Structure formats: C-alpha cells, structure tokens
Full PDB file with SEQRES, HELIX, SHEET, SSBOND, CRYST1, ORIGX, SCALE, CONECT and MASTER records, all heavy atoms in Angstrom:
SEQRES   1 A   30  ALA GLY TYR ILE LEU TYR GLY THR SER THR LEU PHE VAL          
SEQRES   2 A   30  TYR THR THR GLY ASN GLY VAL ASN GLY PHE THR LEU ASN          
SEQRES   3 A   30  PRO ALA ILE GLY                                              
SHEET    1 AA1 3 GLY A   2  TYR A   6  0                                        
SHEET    2 AA1 3 THR A  10  THR A  15 -1                                        
SHEET    3 AA1 3 VAL A  20  THR A  24 -1                                        
CRYST1    1.000    1.000    1.000  90.00  90.00  90.00 P 1           1          
ORIGX1      1.000000  0.000000  0.000000        0.00000                         
ORIGX2      0.000000  1.000000  0.000000        0.00000                         
ORIGX3      0.000000  0.000000  1.000000        0.00000                         
SCALE1      1.000000  0.000000  0.000000        0.00000                         
SCALE2      0.000000  1.000000  0.000000        0.00000                         
SCALE3      0.000000  0.000000  1.000000        0.00000                         
ATOM      1  N   ALA A   1     -31.875  32.594  -8.260  1.00  0.00           N  
ATOM      2  CA  ALA A   1     -32.870  33.379  -8.986  1.00  0.00           C  
ATOM      3  C   ALA A   1     -32.184  34.512  -9.668  1.00  0.00           C  
ATOM      4  O   ALA A   1     -31.124  34.942  -9.256  1.00  0.00           O  
ATOM      5  CB  ALA A   1     -33.994  33.878  -8.135  1.00  0.00           C  
ATOM      6  N   GLY A   2     -32.676  34.958 -10.751  1.00  0.00           N  
ATOM      7  CA  GLY A   2     -32.031  36.032 -11.445  1.00  0.00           C  
ATOM      8  C   GLY A   2     -32.967  36.743 -12.461  1.00  0.00           C  
ATOM      9  O   GLY A   2     -34.061  36.247 -12.779  1.00  0.00           O  
ATOM     10  N   TYR A   3     -32.521  37.841 -13.040  1.00  0.00           N  
ATOM     11  CA  TYR A   3     -33.212  38.472 -14.163  1.00  0.00           C  
ATOM     12  C   TYR A   3     -32.126  38.910 -15.200  1.00  0.00           C  
ATOM     13  O   TYR A   3     -30.968  39.203 -14.792  1.00  0.00           O  
ATOM     14  CB  TYR A   3     -34.104  39.572 -13.704  1.00  0.00           C  
ATOM     15  CG  TYR A   3     -33.474  40.787 -13.021  1.00  0.00           C  
ATOM     16  CD1 TYR A   3     -32.665  41.733 -13.711  1.00  0.00           C  
ATOM     17  CD2 TYR A   3     -33.659  40.943 -11.654  1.00  0.00           C  
ATOM     18  CE1 TYR A   3     -32.169  42.809 -12.997  1.00  0.00           C  
ATOM     19  CE2 TYR A   3     -33.057  41.974 -10.977  1.00  0.00           C  
ATOM     20  CZ  TYR A   3     -32.296  42.983 -11.658  1.00  0.00           C  
ATOM     21  OH  TYR A   3     -31.779  43.965 -11.010  1.00  0.00           O  
ATOM     22  N   ILE A   4     -32.569  39.076 -16.386  1.00  0.00           N  
ATOM     23  CA  ILE A   4     -31.709  39.549 -17.504  1.00  0.00           C  
ATOM     24  C   ILE A   4     -32.460  40.784 -18.064  1.00  0.00           C  
ATOM     25  O   ILE A   4     -33.598  40.663 -18.437  1.00  0.00           O  
ATOM     26  CB  ILE A   4     -31.524  38.513 -18.556  1.00  0.00           C  
ATOM     27  CG1 ILE A   4     -30.889  37.217 -17.938  1.00  0.00           C  
ATOM     28  CG2 ILE A   4     -30.635  39.036 -19.645  1.00  0.00           C  
ATOM     29  CD1 ILE A   4     -31.266  35.959 -18.635  1.00  0.00           C  
ATOM     30  N   LEU A   5     -31.772  41.871 -18.060  1.00  0.00           N  
ATOM     31  CA  LEU A   5     -32.372  43.158 -18.590  1.00  0.00           C  
ATOM     32  C   LEU A   5     -31.779  43.431 -19.948  1.00  0.00           C  
ATOM     33  O   LEU A   5     -30.576  43.564 -20.128  1.00  0.00           O  
ATOM     34  CB  LEU A   5     -32.020  44.246 -17.595  1.00  0.00           C  
ATOM     35  CG  LEU A   5     -32.508  45.675 -17.976  1.00  0.00           C  
ATOM     36  CD1 LEU A   5     -34.048  45.742 -18.082  1.00  0.00           C  
ATOM     37  CD2 LEU A   5     -31.991  46.722 -16.974  1.00  0.00           C  
ATOM     38  N   TYR A   6     -32.704  43.528 -20.908  1.00  0.00           N  
ATOM     39  CA  TYR A   6     -32.307  43.930 -22.277  1.00  0.00           C  
ATOM     40  C   TYR A   6     -32.634  45.417 -22.455  1.00  0.00           C  
ATOM     41  O   TYR A   6     -33.703  45.801 -22.839  1.00  0.00           O  
ATOM     42  CB  TYR A   6     -33.040  43.130 -23.351  1.00  0.00           C  
ATOM     43  CG  TYR A   6     -33.056  41.650 -23.007  1.00  0.00           C  
ATOM     44  CD1 TYR A   6     -34.154  40.970 -22.510  1.00  0.00           C  
ATOM     45  CD2 TYR A   6     -31.891  40.903 -23.270  1.00  0.00           C  
ATOM     46  CE1 TYR A   6     -34.110  39.652 -22.229  1.00  0.00           C  
ATOM     47  CE2 TYR A   6     -31.853  39.484 -22.934  1.00  0.00           C  
ATOM     48  CZ  TYR A   6     -32.979  38.895 -22.480  1.00  0.00           C  
ATOM     49  OH  TYR A   6     -32.942  37.589 -22.235  1.00  0.00           O  
ATOM     50  N   GLY A   7     -31.667  46.272 -22.123  1.00  0.00           N  
ATOM     51  CA  GLY A   7     -31.866  47.733 -22.234  1.00  0.00           C  
ATOM     52  C   GLY A   7     -30.773  48.361 -23.068  1.00  0.00           C  
ATOM     53  O   GLY A   7     -30.304  47.856 -24.107  1.00  0.00           O  
ATOM     54  N   THR A   8     -30.248  49.496 -22.579  1.00  0.00           N  
ATOM     55  CA  THR A   8     -29.147  50.175 -23.246  1.00  0.00           C  
ATOM     56  C   THR A   8     -27.866  49.246 -23.287  1.00  0.00           C  
ATOM     57  O   THR A   8     -27.034  49.338 -24.102  1.00  0.00           O  
ATOM     58  CB  THR A   8     -28.787  51.507 -22.569  1.00  0.00           C  
ATOM     59  OG1 THR A   8     -28.570  51.238 -21.135  1.00  0.00           O  
ATOM     60  CG2 THR A   8     -29.907  52.487 -22.784  1.00  0.00           C  
ATOM     61  N   SER A   9     -27.839  48.359 -22.300  1.00  0.00           N  
ATOM     62  CA  SER A   9     -26.915  47.232 -22.350  1.00  0.00           C  
ATOM     63  C   SER A   9     -27.639  46.045 -21.802  1.00  0.00           C  
ATOM     64  O   SER A   9     -28.753  46.159 -21.286  1.00  0.00           O  
ATOM     65  CB  SER A   9     -25.678  47.577 -21.431  1.00  0.00           C  
ATOM     66  OG  SER A   9     -26.057  47.822 -20.093  1.00  0.00           O  
ATOM     67  N   THR A  10     -27.086  44.886 -21.949  1.00  0.00           N  
ATOM     68  CA  THR A  10     -27.724  43.637 -21.485  1.00  0.00           C  
ATOM     69  C   THR A  10     -27.064  43.228 -20.195  1.00  0.00           C  
ATOM     70  O   THR A  10     -25.828  43.058 -20.119  1.00  0.00           O  
ATOM     71  CB  THR A  10     -27.606  42.504 -22.481  1.00  0.00           C  
ATOM     72  OG1 THR A  10     -28.325  42.897 -23.650  1.00  0.00           O  
ATOM     73  CG2 THR A  10     -28.147  41.226 -21.981  1.00  0.00           C  
ATOM     74  N   LEU A  11     -27.887  43.076 -19.127  1.00  0.00           N  
ATOM     75  CA  LEU A  11     -27.362  42.887 -17.780  1.00  0.00           C  
ATOM     76  C   LEU A  11     -27.911  41.568 -17.208  1.00  0.00           C  
ATOM     77  O   LEU A  11     -29.125  41.354 -17.280  1.00  0.00           O  
ATOM     78  CB  LEU A  11     -27.818  44.041 -16.893  1.00  0.00           C  
ATOM     79  CG  LEU A  11     -27.085  44.166 -15.483  1.00  0.00           C  
ATOM     80  CD1 LEU A  11     -25.680  44.469 -15.668  1.00  0.00           C  
ATOM     81  CD2 LEU A  11     -27.822  45.330 -14.705  1.00  0.00           C  
ATOM     82  N   PHE A  12     -27.040  40.726 -16.720  1.00  0.00           N  
ATOM     83  CA  PHE A  12     -27.415  39.423 -16.144  1.00  0.00           C  
ATOM     84  C   PHE A  12     -27.207  39.542 -14.596  1.00  0.00           C  
ATOM     85  O   PHE A  12     -26.060  39.637 -14.182  1.00  0.00           O  
ATOM     86  CB  PHE A  12     -26.472  38.369 -16.698  1.00  0.00           C  
ATOM     87  CG  PHE A  12     -26.889  36.925 -16.439  1.00  0.00           C  
ATOM     88  CD1 PHE A  12     -27.396  36.098 -17.378  1.00  0.00           C  
ATOM     89  CD2 PHE A  12     -26.787  36.431 -15.116  1.00  0.00           C  
ATOM     90  CE1 PHE A  12     -27.755  34.719 -17.082  1.00  0.00           C  
ATOM     91  CE2 PHE A  12     -27.083  35.112 -14.809  1.00  0.00           C  
ATOM     92  CZ  PHE A  12     -27.617  34.274 -15.841  1.00  0.00           C  
ATOM     93  N   VAL A  13     -28.294  39.554 -13.829  1.00  0.00           N  
ATOM     94  CA  VAL A  13     -28.262  39.707 -12.425  1.00  0.00           C  
ATOM     95  C   VAL A  13     -28.757  38.466 -11.740  1.00  0.00           C  
ATOM     96  O   VAL A  13     -29.858  37.973 -12.082  1.00  0.00           O  
ATOM     97  CB  VAL A  13     -29.100  40.912 -11.942  1.00  0.00           C  
ATOM     98  CG1 VAL A  13     -29.121  41.088 -10.431  1.00  0.00           C  
ATOM     99  CG2 VAL A  13     -28.586  42.211 -12.602  1.00  0.00           C  
ATOM    100  N   TYR A  14     -28.034  37.971 -10.769  1.00  0.00           N  
ATOM    101  CA  TYR A  14     -28.514  36.730 -10.123  1.00  0.00           C  
ATOM    102  C   TYR A  14     -27.970  36.599  -8.656  1.00  0.00           C  
ATOM    103  O   TYR A  14     -27.046  37.302  -8.278  1.00  0.00           O  
ATOM    104  CB  TYR A  14     -28.157  35.474 -10.963  1.00  0.00           C  
ATOM    105  CG  TYR A  14     -26.795  34.870 -10.718  1.00  0.00           C  
ATOM    106  CD1 TYR A  14     -26.657  33.714  -9.916  1.00  0.00           C  
ATOM    107  CD2 TYR A  14     -25.696  35.469 -11.273  1.00  0.00           C  
ATOM    108  CE1 TYR A  14     -25.405  33.176  -9.746  1.00  0.00           C  
ATOM    109  CE2 TYR A  14     -24.452  34.874 -11.103  1.00  0.00           C  
ATOM    110  CZ  TYR A  14     -24.271  33.780 -10.373  1.00  0.00           C  
ATOM    111  OH  TYR A  14     -23.041  33.193 -10.151  1.00  0.00           O  
ATOM    112  N   THR A  15     -28.663  35.722  -7.936  1.00  0.00           N  
ATOM    113  CA  THR A  15     -28.229  35.467  -6.550  1.00  0.00           C  
ATOM    114  C   THR A  15     -28.358  33.926  -6.261  1.00  0.00           C  
ATOM    115  O   THR A  15     -29.225  33.294  -6.900  1.00  0.00           O  
ATOM    116  CB  THR A  15     -29.106  36.238  -5.539  1.00  0.00           C  
ATOM    117  OG1 THR A  15     -28.626  35.904  -4.207  1.00  0.00           O  
ATOM    118  CG2 THR A  15     -30.587  35.776  -5.602  1.00  0.00           C  
ATOM    119  N   THR A  16     -27.471  33.461  -5.456  1.00  0.00           N  
ATOM    120  CA  THR A  16     -27.562  32.081  -4.942  1.00  0.00           C  
ATOM    121  C   THR A  16     -27.782  32.069  -3.441  1.00  0.00           C  
ATOM    122  O   THR A  16     -27.587  31.032  -2.799  1.00  0.00           O  
ATOM    123  CB  THR A  16     -26.260  31.274  -5.284  1.00  0.00           C  
ATOM    124  OG1 THR A  16     -25.173  31.903  -4.702  1.00  0.00           O  
ATOM    125  CG2 THR A  16     -26.092  31.188  -6.778  1.00  0.00           C  
ATOM    126  N   GLY A  17     -28.188  33.203  -2.848  1.00  0.00           N  
ATOM    127  CA  GLY A  17     -28.441  33.308  -1.456  1.00  0.00           C  
ATOM    128  C   GLY A  17     -27.212  33.923  -0.732  1.00  0.00           C  
ATOM    129  O   GLY A  17     -27.160  33.928   0.490  1.00  0.00           O  
ATOM    130  N   ASN A  18     -26.228  34.380  -1.500  1.00  0.00           N  
ATOM    131  CA  ASN A  18     -25.055  34.993  -0.915  1.00  0.00           C  
ATOM    132  C   ASN A  18     -24.835  36.356  -1.561  1.00  0.00           C  
ATOM    133  O   ASN A  18     -23.738  36.633  -2.037  1.00  0.00           O  
ATOM    134  CB  ASN A  18     -23.808  34.088  -1.128  1.00  0.00           C  
ATOM    135  CG  ASN A  18     -23.891  32.835  -0.286  1.00  0.00           C  
ATOM    136  OD1 ASN A  18     -23.822  32.829   0.884  1.00  0.00           O  
ATOM    137  ND2 ASN A  18     -24.001  31.683  -1.010  1.00  0.00           N  
ATOM    138  N   GLY A  19     -25.872  37.145  -1.502  1.00  0.00           N  
ATOM    139  CA  GLY A  19     -25.710  38.517  -2.159  1.00  0.00           C  
ATOM    140  C   GLY A  19     -26.145  38.441  -3.600  1.00  0.00           C  
ATOM    141  O   GLY A  19     -26.453  37.449  -4.203  1.00  0.00           O  
ATOM    142  N   VAL A  20     -26.169  39.672  -4.207  1.00  0.00           N  
ATOM    143  CA  VAL A  20     -26.581  39.812  -5.585  1.00  0.00           C  
ATOM    144  C   VAL A  20     -25.467  40.399  -6.433  1.00  0.00           C  
ATOM    145  O   VAL A  20     -24.897  41.443  -6.040  1.00  0.00           O  
ATOM    146  CB  VAL A  20     -27.836  40.704  -5.677  1.00  0.00           C  
ATOM    147  CG1 VAL A  20     -28.372  40.871  -7.135  1.00  0.00           C  
ATOM    148  CG2 VAL A  20     -28.936  40.214  -4.765  1.00  0.00           C  
ATOM    149  N   ASN A  21     -25.249  39.906  -7.611  1.00  0.00           N  
ATOM    150  CA  ASN A  21     -24.243  40.417  -8.474  1.00  0.00           C  
ATOM    151  C   ASN A  21     -24.777  40.582  -9.948  1.00  0.00           C  
ATOM    152  O   ASN A  21     -25.601  39.773 -10.345  1.00  0.00           O  
ATOM    153  CB  ASN A  21     -22.996  39.496  -8.501  1.00  0.00           C  
ATOM    154  CG  ASN A  21     -22.255  39.469  -7.200  1.00  0.00           C  
ATOM    155  OD1 ASN A  21     -21.523  40.399  -6.886  1.00  0.00           O  
ATOM    156  ND2 ASN A  21     -22.519  38.402  -6.359  1.00  0.00           N  
ATOM    157  N   GLY A  22     -24.291  41.630 -10.583  1.00  0.00           N  
ATOM    158  CA  GLY A  22     -24.744  41.924 -11.945  1.00  0.00           C  
ATOM    159  C   GLY A  22     -23.648  41.878 -12.906  1.00  0.00           C  
ATOM    160  O   GLY A  22     -22.546  42.379 -12.670  1.00  0.00           O  
ATOM    161  N   PHE A  23     -23.818  41.329 -14.149  1.00  0.00           N  
ATOM    162  CA  PHE A  23     -22.858  41.169 -15.155  1.00  0.00           C  
ATOM    163  C   PHE A  23     -23.333  41.825 -16.452  1.00  0.00           C  
ATOM    164  O   PHE A  23     -24.415  41.525 -16.899  1.00  0.00           O  
ATOM    165  CB  PHE A  23     -22.523  39.694 -15.387  1.00  0.00           C  
ATOM    166  CG  PHE A  23     -22.009  39.009 -14.175  1.00  0.00           C  
ATOM    167  CD1 PHE A  23     -22.943  38.601 -13.180  1.00  0.00           C  
ATOM    168  CD2 PHE A  23     -20.715  38.750 -13.960  1.00  0.00           C  
ATOM    169  CE1 PHE A  23     -22.446  37.914 -12.052  1.00  0.00           C  
ATOM    170  CE2 PHE A  23     -20.244  38.098 -12.843  1.00  0.00           C  
ATOM    171  CZ  PHE A  23     -21.144  37.651 -11.865  1.00  0.00           C  
ATOM    172  N   THR A  24     -22.547  42.653 -17.080  1.00  0.00           N  
ATOM    173  CA  THR A  24     -22.947  43.374 -18.300  1.00  0.00           C  
ATOM    174  C   THR A  24     -22.284  42.786 -19.507  1.00  0.00           C  
ATOM    175  O   THR A  24     -21.074  42.379 -19.506  1.00  0.00           O  
ATOM    176  CB  THR A  24     -22.508  44.892 -18.233  1.00  0.00           C  
ATOM    177  OG1 THR A  24     -23.226  45.489 -17.093  1.00  0.00           O  
ATOM    178  CG2 THR A  24     -22.907  45.573 -19.456  1.00  0.00           C  
ATOM    179  N   LEU A  25     -23.048  42.538 -20.568  1.00  0.00           N  
ATOM    180  CA  LEU A  25     -22.584  41.921 -21.758  1.00  0.00           C  
ATOM    181  C   LEU A  25     -21.759  42.925 -22.627  1.00  0.00           C  
ATOM    182  O   LEU A  25     -22.267  44.005 -22.922  1.00  0.00           O  
ATOM    183  CB  LEU A  25     -23.777  41.409 -22.550  1.00  0.00           C  
ATOM    184  CG  LEU A  25     -23.453  40.739 -23.930  1.00  0.00           C  
ATOM    185  CD1 LEU A  25     -22.678  39.482 -23.692  1.00  0.00           C  
ATOM    186  CD2 LEU A  25     -24.791  40.461 -24.704  1.00  0.00           C  
ATOM    187  N   ASN A  26     -20.613  42.445 -22.989  1.00  0.00           N  
ATOM    188  CA  ASN A  26     -19.824  43.153 -23.961  1.00  0.00           C  
ATOM    189  C   ASN A  26     -20.184  42.481 -25.358  1.00  0.00           C  
ATOM    190  O   ASN A  26     -19.723  41.353 -25.639  1.00  0.00           O  
ATOM    191  CB  ASN A  26     -18.349  43.050 -23.719  1.00  0.00           C  
ATOM    192  CG  ASN A  26     -17.459  43.735 -24.820  1.00  0.00           C  
ATOM    193  OD1 ASN A  26     -17.968  44.060 -25.926  1.00  0.00           O  
ATOM    194  ND2 ASN A  26     -16.281  44.023 -24.452  1.00  0.00           N  
ATOM    195  N   PRO A  27     -21.024  43.126 -26.115  1.00  0.00           N  
ATOM    196  CA  PRO A  27     -21.511  42.429 -27.340  1.00  0.00           C  
ATOM    197  C   PRO A  27     -20.451  42.182 -28.458  1.00  0.00           C  
ATOM    198  O   PRO A  27     -20.622  41.304 -29.252  1.00  0.00           O  
ATOM    199  CB  PRO A  27     -22.594  43.347 -27.872  1.00  0.00           C  
ATOM    200  CG  PRO A  27     -22.234  44.699 -27.307  1.00  0.00           C  
ATOM    201  CD  PRO A  27     -21.568  44.483 -25.985  1.00  0.00           C  
ATOM    202  N   ALA A  28     -19.383  42.912 -28.313  1.00  0.00           N  
ATOM    203  CA  ALA A  28     -18.328  42.803 -29.363  1.00  0.00           C  
ATOM    204  C   ALA A  28     -17.688  41.442 -29.215  1.00  0.00           C  
ATOM    205  O   ALA A  28     -17.288  40.802 -30.217  1.00  0.00           O  
ATOM    206  CB  ALA A  28     -17.278  43.876 -29.151  1.00  0.00           C  
ATOM    207  N   ILE A  29     -17.568  40.873 -28.037  1.00  0.00           N  
ATOM    208  CA  ILE A  29     -16.929  39.614 -27.853  1.00  0.00           C  
ATOM    209  C   ILE A  29     -17.850  38.496 -27.228  1.00  0.00           C  
ATOM    210  O   ILE A  29     -17.424  37.387 -26.944  1.00  0.00           O  
ATOM    211  CB  ILE A  29     -15.593  39.756 -27.027  1.00  0.00           C  
ATOM    212  CG1 ILE A  29     -15.883  40.374 -25.625  1.00  0.00           C  
ATOM    213  CG2 ILE A  29     -14.642  40.478 -27.762  1.00  0.00           C  
ATOM    214  CD1 ILE A  29     -14.686  40.414 -24.832  1.00  0.00           C  
ATOM    215  N   GLY A  30     -19.030  38.955 -26.819  1.00  0.00           N  
ATOM    216  CA  GLY A  30     -20.076  37.995 -26.348  1.00  0.00           C  
ATOM    217  C   GLY A  30     -19.785  37.504 -24.913  1.00  0.00           C  
ATOM    218  O   GLY A  30     -20.086  36.359 -24.586  1.00  0.00           O  
TER     219      GLY A  30                                                      
MASTER        0    0    0    0    3    0    0    6  218    1    0    3          
END                                                                             
C-alpha cells in the first residue's frame, strides 16, 4: 500500500509489510 503526495515536492511512500519508505521526485530528471 502507498500514497503519493503532490506538494512542495512529489513524494512516493509505500510499504510491503517490511517498514515504510519515502521517495522524493527530482523533476529535473524524472
């Protein structure tokens, strides 16, 4: 499960049942 936050930066947060990790989008290189 996860969520994507479109705010001051775009953040992709998800879990597979082994903790939660978040990834921030660098829009310059996608």
